[in-house]
Every structure is written in structure tokens, then in C-alpha cells.
């Protein structure tokens, strides 16, 4: 992983703050969790997403590192 990749991902996420995204969380052993939410804040090492309130799950504030995107532990798609 190059430092420039990290900077590109961080800049991209920061630019999308306030936008709605679909996130796919890889939980291992073929388990995947898909949630929708809004990117709240972008900090130097992490960013936060406020998930939508559904019948199954109340809204949550999740935090991820930019490395999670680079290593494909999570995948994000703009809505």
C-alpha cells in the first residue's frame, strides 16, 4: 500500500461527506452485511457513517479506516 493511495482514498471520502452511500461489510467466512447511510465526518485516520434506521436495526454511527477501503474489507457505492 502506497501513501499516495491512502491520500487519494481520504480525499475522495472527504469530498463525499454528507452524501448517501451503500456499504458492503465483509465479515469473513462468506458473511456480508449491506447497509445504507450518510458519510458524517472524515478525520485524518478514520471516517464515520451514520446508518439508516430500519426495522431490523436502529441507526448506528460506524467508523472505518481508509485502509479498510484499500484492503477491500468494506466497499462503498454512492446512491
Protein backbone atom coordinates (compact mmCIF):
# COMPACT_ATOMS: atom_id res chain seq x y z
CA UNK A 1 0.00 0.00 0.00
CA UNK A 2 1.43 3.31 -1.04
CA UNK A 3 0.98 6.54 0.87
CA UNK A 4 -0.49 8.17 -2.25
CA UNK A 5 -3.28 5.53 -2.36
CA UNK A 6 -4.18 6.39 1.22
CA UNK A 7 -4.26 10.12 0.41
CA UNK A 8 -6.46 9.54 -2.65
CA UNK A 9 -8.97 7.49 -0.67
CA UNK A 10 -9.02 10.04 2.17
CA UNK A 11 -9.59 12.93 -0.27
CA UNK A 12 -12.36 11.03 -2.06
CA UNK A 13 -14.20 10.21 1.18
CA UNK A 14 -13.82 13.77 2.47
CA UNK A 15 -15.28 15.11 -0.77
CA UNK A 16 -18.34 12.85 -0.34
CA UNK A 17 -19.19 13.95 3.24
CA UNK A 18 -22.95 14.39 3.58
CA UNK A 19 -23.73 12.06 0.70
CA UNK A 20 -25.68 8.83 0.99
CA UNK A 21 -23.76 5.60 0.38
CA UNK A 22 -24.32 1.85 0.39
CA UNK A 23 -21.64 -0.01 2.30
CA UNK A 24 -20.86 -3.69 1.98
CA UNK A 25 -19.03 -5.05 5.03
CA UNK A 26 -17.01 -8.23 4.58
CA UNK A 27 -17.35 -10.12 7.86
CA UNK A 28 -15.35 -13.17 6.76
CA UNK A 29 -16.40 -16.75 6.03
CA UNK A 30 -18.70 -15.61 3.21
CA UNK A 31 -20.67 -13.32 5.53
CA UNK A 32 -21.56 -9.91 4.11
CA UNK A 33 -23.56 -7.11 5.72
CA UNK A 34 -25.06 -4.42 3.47
CA UNK A 35 -26.22 -1.11 4.96
CA UNK A 36 -27.13 2.35 3.75
CA UNK A 37 -26.03 5.52 5.45
CA UNK A 38 -24.60 9.01 5.20
CA UNK A 39 -20.92 9.87 5.48
CA UNK A 40 -20.79 12.13 8.55
CA UNK A 41 -17.17 13.14 9.08
CA UNK A 42 -13.74 12.47 7.60
CA UNK A 43 -10.89 12.57 10.11
CA UNK A 44 -7.16 12.10 9.40
CA UNK A 45 -7.20 8.33 10.07
CA UNK A 46 -10.89 7.33 10.06
CA UNK A 47 -14.30 8.35 8.74
CA UNK A 48 -17.78 7.87 10.16
CA UNK A 49 -21.05 6.75 8.58
CA UNK A 50 -24.48 7.14 10.19
CA UNK A 51 -26.56 4.16 9.05
CA UNK A 52 -30.24 4.41 8.21
CA UNK A 53 -32.83 3.40 10.81
CA UNK A 54 -34.58 0.17 9.74
CA UNK A 55 -36.99 -2.26 11.38
CA UNK A 56 -34.18 -4.78 11.92
CA UNK A 57 -31.54 -2.34 13.18
CA UNK A 58 -31.66 1.14 14.71
CA UNK A 59 -29.33 3.75 13.23
CA UNK A 60 -25.68 3.41 14.23
CA UNK A 61 -22.60 5.55 13.91
CA UNK A 62 -19.93 3.32 12.36
CA UNK A 63 -16.28 4.24 11.95
CA UNK A 64 -13.87 2.84 9.40
CA UNK A 65 -10.27 3.45 8.49
CA UNK A 66 -9.27 4.36 4.97
CA UNK A 67 -7.21 1.17 4.95
CA UNK A 68 -10.49 -0.80 5.14
CA UNK A 69 -11.35 0.53 1.69
CA UNK A 70 -7.90 -0.12 0.26
CA UNK A 71 -7.86 -3.72 1.56
CA UNK A 72 -11.49 -4.16 0.39
CA UNK A 73 -12.83 -5.09 3.82
CA UNK A 74 -15.60 -2.62 3.03
CA UNK A 75 -16.92 -1.40 -0.29
CA UNK A 76 -18.81 1.83 -0.75
CA UNK A 77 -21.06 2.96 -3.55
CA UNK A 78 -22.75 6.36 -3.83
CA UNK A 79 -26.55 6.34 -4.00
